[in-house]
Amino acid sequence: MPISKELLDILACPLCRKAVEPTPDATGLKCVECHRVYPIRDDIPVMLVDEARIEKP
């Protein structure tokens, strides 16, 4: 199930406070600024810095 627009509007990267966008495969949320990808597990975004991985822009 995709993340709703309403939820995306209120979610932000916990590290830099910038917006996040769904990854192309919908398995995570990627920060537009620092490029950390936060996983989505059981349709719940895990917005913990320790759980994120950094992707190249």
N, C-alpha and C. Protein backbone atom coordinates (compact mmCIF):
# COMPACT_ATOMS: atom_id res chain seq x y z
N MET A 1 0.85 -1.18 0.00
CA MET A 1 0.00 0.00 0.00
C MET A 1 0.89 1.24 0.00
N PRO A 2 0.67 2.14 -0.93
CA PRO A 2 1.50 3.36 -0.97
C PRO A 2 1.19 4.29 0.20
N ILE A 3 2.18 5.10 0.54
CA ILE A 3 2.02 6.09 1.60
C ILE A 3 1.10 7.20 1.08
N SER A 4 0.14 7.60 1.90
CA SER A 4 -0.81 8.63 1.47
C SER A 4 -0.15 10.00 1.34
N LYS A 5 -0.72 10.81 0.48
CA LYS A 5 -0.23 12.19 0.26
C LYS A 5 -0.27 12.98 1.56
N GLU A 6 -1.31 12.78 2.35
CA GLU A 6 -1.44 13.50 3.62
C GLU A 6 -0.30 13.16 4.58
N LEU A 7 0.08 11.89 4.62
CA LEU A 7 1.19 11.49 5.49
C LEU A 7 2.51 12.03 4.96
N LEU A 8 2.72 11.97 3.65
CA LEU A 8 3.95 12.52 3.06
C LEU A 8 4.09 14.01 3.33
N ASP A 9 2.96 14.71 3.38
CA ASP A 9 2.99 16.16 3.63
C ASP A 9 3.50 16.50 5.04
N ILE A 10 3.32 15.58 5.99
CA ILE A 10 3.75 15.90 7.37
C ILE A 10 5.06 15.23 7.76
N LEU A 11 5.48 14.21 6.99
CA LEU A 11 6.74 13.54 7.32
C LEU A 11 7.93 14.38 6.86
N ALA A 12 9.00 14.32 7.64
CA ALA A 12 10.24 15.02 7.29
C ALA A 12 11.41 14.18 7.78
N CYS A 13 12.55 14.38 7.17
CA CYS A 13 13.77 13.71 7.60
C CYS A 13 14.07 14.13 9.04
N PRO A 14 14.27 13.18 9.94
CA PRO A 14 14.55 13.56 11.33
C PRO A 14 15.92 14.21 11.52
N LEU A 15 16.81 14.06 10.54
CA LEU A 15 18.15 14.63 10.67
C LEU A 15 18.20 16.07 10.18
N CYS A 16 17.73 16.31 8.96
CA CYS A 16 17.87 17.66 8.38
C CYS A 16 16.52 18.40 8.25
N ARG A 17 15.43 17.72 8.56
CA ARG A 17 14.08 18.33 8.56
C ARG A 17 13.56 18.70 7.17
N LYS A 18 14.11 18.10 6.12
CA LYS A 18 13.63 18.35 4.76
C LYS A 18 12.59 17.29 4.38
N ALA A 19 11.93 17.52 3.26
CA ALA A 19 10.87 16.62 2.79
C ALA A 19 11.44 15.26 2.39
N VAL A 20 10.59 14.25 2.44
CA VAL A 20 10.93 12.91 1.97
C VAL A 20 9.98 12.54 0.84
N GLU A 21 10.49 11.70 -0.08
CA GLU A 21 9.71 11.23 -1.22
C GLU A 21 9.82 9.71 -1.28
N PRO A 22 8.79 9.05 -1.77
CA PRO A 22 8.88 7.59 -1.92
C PRO A 22 9.96 7.20 -2.93
N THR A 23 10.64 6.11 -2.66
CA THR A 23 11.61 5.58 -3.61
C THR A 23 10.84 4.98 -4.80
N PRO A 24 11.48 4.82 -5.95
CA PRO A 24 10.79 4.27 -7.12
C PRO A 24 10.16 2.89 -6.87
N ASP A 25 10.81 2.08 -6.04
CA ASP A 25 10.27 0.74 -5.76
C ASP A 25 9.32 0.73 -4.55
N ALA A 26 9.09 1.90 -3.94
CA ALA A 26 8.14 2.07 -2.82
C ALA A 26 8.52 1.28 -1.57
N THR A 27 9.82 1.00 -1.40
CA THR A 27 10.25 0.28 -0.20
C THR A 27 10.84 1.23 0.85
N GLY A 28 10.89 2.52 0.53
CA GLY A 28 11.46 3.48 1.46
C GLY A 28 11.06 4.90 1.13
N LEU A 29 11.47 5.81 2.00
CA LEU A 29 11.26 7.24 1.80
C LEU A 29 12.62 7.90 1.78
N LYS A 30 12.89 8.65 0.71
CA LYS A 30 14.21 9.26 0.53
C LYS A 30 14.15 10.76 0.80
N CYS A 31 15.08 11.25 1.60
CA CYS A 31 15.19 12.67 1.91
C CYS A 31 15.71 13.41 0.67
N VAL A 32 15.07 14.52 0.36
CA VAL A 32 15.48 15.29 -0.82
C VAL A 32 16.79 16.05 -0.59
N GLU A 33 17.20 16.23 0.64
CA GLU A 33 18.41 17.00 0.95
C GLU A 33 19.62 16.11 1.23
N CYS A 34 19.52 15.25 2.23
CA CYS A 34 20.69 14.46 2.65
C CYS A 34 20.73 13.06 2.02
N HIS A 35 19.69 12.69 1.27
CA HIS A 35 19.62 11.45 0.49
C HIS A 35 19.61 10.19 1.35
N ARG A 36 19.18 10.31 2.60
CA ARG A 36 18.99 9.13 3.42
C ARG A 36 17.68 8.47 3.01
N VAL A 37 17.68 7.14 2.99
CA VAL A 37 16.48 6.40 2.66
C VAL A 37 16.01 5.67 3.91
N TYR A 38 14.81 6.00 4.34
CA TYR A 38 14.20 5.40 5.52
C TYR A 38 13.30 4.26 5.06
N PRO A 39 13.47 3.06 5.64
CA PRO A 39 12.70 1.91 5.15
C PRO A 39 11.21 2.01 5.52
N ILE A 40 10.41 1.32 4.73
CA ILE A 40 8.99 1.15 5.04
C ILE A 40 8.80 -0.33 5.34
N ARG A 41 8.36 -0.63 6.56
CA ARG A 41 8.14 -2.01 6.98
C ARG A 41 6.69 -2.19 7.39
N ASP A 42 6.04 -3.17 6.82
CA ASP A 42 4.62 -3.44 7.10
C ASP A 42 3.78 -2.18 6.91
N ASP A 43 4.07 -1.44 5.84
CA ASP A 43 3.36 -0.20 5.48
C ASP A 43 3.57 0.94 6.48
N ILE A 44 4.61 0.84 7.32
CA ILE A 44 4.90 1.88 8.32
C ILE A 44 6.31 2.43 8.05
N PRO A 45 6.43 3.75 7.80
CA PRO A 45 7.75 4.33 7.61
C PRO A 45 8.55 4.31 8.93
N VAL A 46 9.78 3.82 8.85
CA VAL A 46 10.67 3.78 10.01
C VAL A 46 11.58 4.99 9.92
N MET A 47 11.21 6.08 10.59
CA MET A 47 11.91 7.36 10.46
C MET A 47 12.97 7.50 11.55
N LEU A 48 13.88 6.53 11.62
CA LEU A 48 14.98 6.55 12.58
C LEU A 48 16.29 6.68 11.81
N VAL A 49 17.13 7.61 12.20
CA VAL A 49 18.40 7.86 11.52
C VAL A 49 19.26 6.59 11.50
N ASP A 50 19.26 5.82 12.58
CA ASP A 50 20.06 4.59 12.64
C ASP A 50 19.58 3.51 11.68
N GLU A 51 18.34 3.59 11.25
CA GLU A 51 17.78 2.61 10.33
C GLU A 51 17.96 3.00 8.86
N ALA A 52 18.33 4.25 8.62
CA ALA A 52 18.42 4.77 7.25
C ALA A 52 19.74 4.38 6.60
N ARG A 53 19.70 4.34 5.27
CA ARG A 53 20.92 4.18 4.49
C ARG A 53 21.06 5.41 3.60
N ILE A 54 22.28 5.72 3.22
CA ILE A 54 22.52 6.91 2.38
C ILE A 54 22.71 6.45 0.94
N GLU A 55 21.94 7.05 0.03
CA GLU A 55 22.07 6.77 -1.39
C GLU A 55 22.72 7.95 -2.08
N LYS A 56 23.42 7.67 -3.12
CA LYS A 56 24.01 8.75 -3.93
C LYS A 56 22.88 9.49 -4.63
N PRO A 57 23.02 10.81 -4.83
CA PRO A 57 21.96 11.57 -5.52
C PRO A 57 21.79 11.16 -6.97
